[in-house]
Protein backbone atom coordinates (compact mmCIF):
# COMPACT_ATOMS: atom_id res chain seq x y z
CA MET A 1 -15.87 122.87 103.06
CA GLY A 2 -13.78 120.80 105.43
CA PHE A 3 -11.75 117.76 104.50
CA ILE A 4 -14.09 115.33 106.28
CA GLN A 5 -17.17 116.84 104.65
CA GLU A 6 -15.54 116.64 101.20
CA PHE A 7 -14.61 113.02 101.86
CA LYS A 8 -18.20 112.21 102.92
CA THR A 9 -19.50 113.83 99.73
CA PHE A 10 -16.99 111.90 97.64
CA ILE A 11 -17.82 108.57 99.28
CA SER A 12 -21.59 109.06 99.07
CA ARG A 13 -21.53 109.52 95.30
CA GLY A 14 -23.15 106.66 93.46
CA ASN A 15 -20.21 106.06 91.13
CA VAL A 16 -17.71 105.51 93.94
CA ILE A 17 -19.99 103.07 95.73
CA ASP A 18 -20.72 101.21 92.48
CA MET A 19 -16.99 101.02 91.77
CA ALA A 20 -16.25 99.68 95.26
CA VAL A 21 -18.93 97.00 94.87
CA GLY A 22 -17.47 96.11 91.47
CA VAL A 23 -13.98 95.73 92.94
CA VAL A 24 -15.22 93.45 95.72
CA ILE A 25 -17.26 91.31 93.32
CA GLY A 26 -14.32 91.21 90.90
CA ALA A 27 -11.96 90.00 93.63
CA ALA A 28 -14.41 87.28 94.65
CA PHE A 29 -14.89 86.26 91.02
CA GLY A 30 -11.11 86.09 90.58
CA LYS A 31 -10.87 83.68 93.50
CA ILE A 32 -13.59 81.50 91.99
CA VAL A 33 -11.83 81.42 88.63
CA ASN A 34 -8.49 80.69 90.32
CA ALA A 35 -10.02 77.72 92.14
CA LEU A 36 -11.69 76.53 88.94
CA VAL A 37 -8.46 76.63 86.96
CA ALA A 38 -6.20 75.22 89.70
CA ASN A 39 -8.52 72.44 90.87
CA ILE A 40 -10.57 71.45 87.82
CA ILE A 41 -9.19 72.67 84.50
CA MET A 42 -5.46 72.14 85.03
CA PRO A 43 -5.84 68.63 86.51
CA LEU A 44 -8.00 67.70 83.49
CA VAL A 45 -5.40 69.15 81.13
CA GLY A 46 -2.70 67.27 83.05
CA TYR A 47 -4.67 64.04 82.73
CA LEU A 48 -5.15 64.57 78.99
CA THR A 49 -1.42 65.26 78.55
CA GLY A 50 -0.31 62.12 80.36
CA GLY A 51 -0.12 63.33 83.96
CA MET A 52 1.86 66.52 83.28
CA ASP A 53 1.76 69.05 86.14
CA PHE A 54 1.91 72.52 84.63
CA SER A 55 2.65 74.32 87.89
CA ASP A 56 6.01 72.51 88.18
CA MET A 57 7.10 73.17 84.59
CA ALA A 58 10.31 75.18 84.47
CA TRP A 59 13.29 75.80 82.24
CA THR A 60 16.45 75.16 84.23
CA ILE A 61 19.28 77.51 83.35
CA GLN A 62 21.73 76.25 85.97
CA LYS A 63 21.37 73.09 88.03
CA ALA A 64 21.88 73.12 91.77
CA ASP A 65 25.42 72.34 92.90
CA PRO A 66 25.38 70.62 96.31
CA GLU A 67 29.17 70.89 96.67
CA THR A 68 29.21 74.68 96.46
CA GLY A 69 25.73 75.19 97.89
CA LYS A 70 24.49 77.08 94.84
CA ALA A 71 20.77 76.84 94.26
CA ALA A 72 19.29 75.98 90.90
CA VAL A 73 18.44 78.84 88.59
CA SER A 74 15.28 78.21 86.64
CA ILE A 75 12.45 80.03 84.92
CA GLY A 76 9.08 78.65 85.98
CA TYR A 77 6.75 79.02 83.03
CA GLY A 78 4.15 76.51 84.25
CA MET A 79 2.52 79.02 86.58
CA LEU A 80 2.50 81.53 83.72
CA ILE A 81 0.46 79.06 81.66
CA GLN A 82 -1.96 78.56 84.55
CA VAL A 83 -2.37 82.29 85.22
CA THR A 84 -2.82 82.94 81.48
CA ILE A 85 -5.70 80.46 81.42
CA GLU A 86 -7.23 82.21 84.45
CA PHE A 87 -6.91 85.56 82.68
CA LEU A 88 -8.53 84.24 79.51
CA ILE A 89 -11.50 82.88 81.46
CA ILE A 90 -11.98 86.20 83.28
CA ALA A 91 -11.60 88.20 80.05
CA LEU A 92 -14.12 85.96 78.27
CA SER A 93 -16.59 86.33 81.15
CA ILE A 94 -16.29 90.12 81.14
CA PHE A 95 -16.63 90.20 77.35
CA LEU A 96 -19.84 88.15 77.49
CA VAL A 97 -21.35 90.32 80.24
CA LEU A 98 -20.50 93.53 78.35
CA LYS A 99 -21.90 92.07 75.13
CA VAL A 100 -25.23 91.37 76.84
CA ILE A 101 -25.28 94.84 78.42
CA ASN A 102 -24.52 96.53 75.09
CA LYS A 103 -27.23 94.48 73.35
CA LEU A 104 -29.76 95.50 76.01
CA LYS A 105 -28.76 99.17 75.67
CA ALA A 106 -29.06 99.03 71.88
CA SER A 107 -32.51 97.42 72.00
CA SER A 108 -33.62 99.96 74.61
CA GLU A 109 -32.39 102.83 72.41
CA ARG A 110 -34.18 101.36 69.36
CA LEU A 111 -37.37 101.03 71.40
CA ASP A 112 -37.11 104.64 72.59
CA PHE A 113 -36.46 105.82 69.01
CA THR A 114 -39.45 103.84 67.70
CA LYS A 115 -41.70 105.23 70.44
CA LYS A 116 -40.62 108.79 69.64
CA LYS A 117 -41.03 108.19 65.92
CA ASN A 118 -44.52 106.71 66.33
CA ALA A 119 -45.54 109.40 68.81
CA GLY A 120 -44.68 112.08 66.25
CA LYS A 121 -46.73 110.31 63.56
CA ALA A 122 -49.71 109.91 65.85
CA ASP A 123 -49.78 113.63 66.56
CA ILE A 124 -49.70 114.54 62.87
CA ALA A 125 -51.98 111.85 61.40
CA THR A 126 -54.78 111.85 63.97
CA PRO A 127 -57.01 114.92 63.79
CA ALA A 128 -58.21 116.40 67.02
CA PRO A 129 -61.73 115.24 68.01
CA ALA A 130 -64.60 117.64 67.36
CA PRO A 131 -65.57 119.63 70.42
CA GLU A 132 -68.74 118.56 72.25
CA PRO A 133 -71.73 120.67 71.13
CA THR A 134 -73.04 123.11 73.68
CA THR A 135 -76.50 122.75 75.21
CA GLN A 136 -77.83 125.51 72.99
CA GLU A 137 -76.53 123.77 69.85
CA LYS A 138 -78.15 120.50 70.96
CA LEU A 139 -81.52 122.22 71.45
CA LEU A 140 -81.31 123.92 68.07
CA GLY A 141 -80.47 120.58 66.47
CA GLU A 142 -83.54 118.97 68.05
CA ILE A 143 -85.79 121.79 66.85
CA LEU A 144 -84.53 121.40 63.29
CA ASP A 145 -85.21 117.66 63.34
């Protein structure tokens, strides 16, 4: 089998296509969450904390020195806070989706188990119906009556 044919077989598998769709949807969802956090949640948190802008928060190790031209050395932890909030929202969303999926799988498995259990009982408890009498048996029955 040639390289191109193997690649076509690999790409046409359902799992690879599902995974690609998941990656695209995940990237789009990440952009939505990023916009939500940056434009709605963080401004609200800033308002509640007295106008604090988290994206500018930093710990300055060394201040800038204009005489020597040295730039300031600082650790910006504000963006870390913002990205952590984004991560927590995405993780919570994934958790909730997986919880619903697992609950649906469990109820489906219970339903299948109950169907199999009841099907086995129905076969054992219900006797087979009596066969239909033949024409000869019907005539003999009428003669006896």
